Amino acid sequence: MKLRKEFLVHSEESGAILVPAGGAEFSGIVKGNSTFGEILSLLKDDITESQIITEMCANYDAPQDTITHDVRRILDTLRKVKAIDE
């Protein structure tokens, strides 16, 4: 999966904002914390859900179940706004 080119990511100190550009079906913004921003960064290149979870587990000191839940929740949000190609 990969972030669609019709979406722009703006990183800020507290997290990230996902904004649709021309051609996106979604109109609005999606704002998230630093975890959201890191997942968006990983989605710049083609990556699988399990690779994202592995990367997040390496970067955060949290139980794998918690990280898996958070990653899936964020990916579900990105799917709803049609921001990722799978």
Protein backbone atom coordinates (compact mmCIF):
# COMPACT_ATOMS: atom_id res chain seq x y z
CA MET A 1 0.00 0.00 0.00
CA LYS A 2 1.08 3.56 -0.60
CA LEU A 3 -0.18 7.07 0.03
CA ARG A 4 -1.98 8.37 -3.06
CA LYS A 5 -0.28 11.22 -4.87
CA GLU A 6 -3.47 13.30 -4.58
CA PHE A 7 -2.75 13.84 -0.89
CA LEU A 8 -0.23 16.15 0.71
CA VAL A 9 1.25 15.71 4.18
CA HIS A 10 2.11 18.68 6.36
CA SER A 11 4.22 17.75 9.36
CA GLU A 12 4.13 19.88 12.46
CA GLU A 13 5.58 19.58 15.93
CA SER A 14 2.50 17.96 17.41
CA GLY A 15 1.78 15.57 14.53
CA ALA A 16 0.69 15.74 10.91
CA ILE A 17 -2.10 16.97 8.70
CA LEU A 18 -3.25 15.16 5.56
CA VAL A 19 -4.74 17.43 2.91
CA PRO A 20 -6.29 16.40 -0.41
CA ALA A 21 -4.93 18.07 -3.52
CA GLY A 22 -6.49 18.18 -6.98
CA GLY A 23 -8.20 14.99 -8.06
CA ALA A 24 -8.89 13.58 -4.61
CA GLU A 25 -12.46 12.43 -3.91
CA PHE A 26 -12.21 13.52 -0.25
CA SER A 27 -12.54 17.16 0.72
CA GLY A 28 -11.42 18.13 4.19
CA ILE A 29 -8.39 17.49 6.33
CA VAL A 30 -7.28 14.63 8.54
CA LYS A 31 -5.22 15.67 11.54
CA GLY A 32 -3.31 13.26 13.76
CA ASN A 33 -0.57 12.91 16.33
CA SER A 34 3.09 12.00 15.79
CA THR A 35 2.19 8.32 15.33
CA PHE A 36 -0.13 9.33 12.50
CA GLY A 37 2.68 11.39 11.00
CA GLU A 38 5.14 8.53 11.18
CA ILE A 39 2.71 6.15 9.47
CA LEU A 40 2.11 8.72 6.72
CA SER A 41 5.87 8.99 6.28
CA LEU A 42 6.16 5.21 5.92
CA LEU A 43 3.39 5.26 3.31
CA LYS A 44 5.46 7.44 0.97
CA ASP A 45 6.95 4.17 -0.27
CA ASP A 46 5.12 0.93 -1.00
CA ILE A 47 4.78 -0.95 2.31
CA THR A 48 2.57 -3.61 3.89
CA GLU A 49 0.53 -3.32 7.06
CA SER A 50 2.78 -5.85 8.81
CA GLN A 51 5.89 -3.90 7.80
CA ILE A 52 4.37 -0.73 9.27
CA ILE A 53 3.61 -2.58 12.52
CA THR A 54 7.15 -3.97 12.66
CA GLU A 55 8.63 -0.50 12.09
CA MET A 56 6.40 1.06 14.73
CA CYS A 57 7.27 -1.67 17.26
CA ALA A 58 10.95 -0.91 16.69
CA ASN A 59 10.38 2.79 17.34
CA TYR A 60 7.94 2.73 20.26
CA ASP A 61 8.03 1.08 23.65
CA ALA A 62 4.47 -0.20 23.70
CA PRO A 63 2.84 -3.64 23.57
CA GLN A 64 2.57 -5.03 20.03
CA ASP A 65 -1.20 -5.46 20.44
CA THR A 66 -1.57 -1.74 21.18
CA ILE A 67 0.60 -0.75 18.22
CA THR A 68 -1.27 -3.15 15.91
CA HIS A 69 -4.60 -1.69 17.00
CA ASP A 70 -3.39 1.89 16.49
CA VAL A 71 -1.90 1.16 13.06
CA ARG A 72 -5.08 -0.56 11.89
CA ARG A 73 -7.24 2.30 13.18
CA ILE A 74 -5.15 4.84 11.28
CA LEU A 75 -5.12 2.73 8.11
CA ASP A 76 -8.92 2.36 8.35
CA THR A 77 -9.24 6.15 8.50
CA LEU A 78 -6.96 6.53 5.48
CA ARG A 79 -9.02 3.93 3.60
CA LYS A 80 -12.26 5.80 4.37
CA VAL A 81 -10.92 8.99 2.82
CA LYS A 82 -9.40 6.97 -0.06
CA ALA A 83 -5.89 8.25 0.71
CA ILE A 84 -4.05 4.96 0.10
CA ASP A 85 -3.66 2.65 -2.85
CA GLU A 86 -3.54 -1.03 -1.99
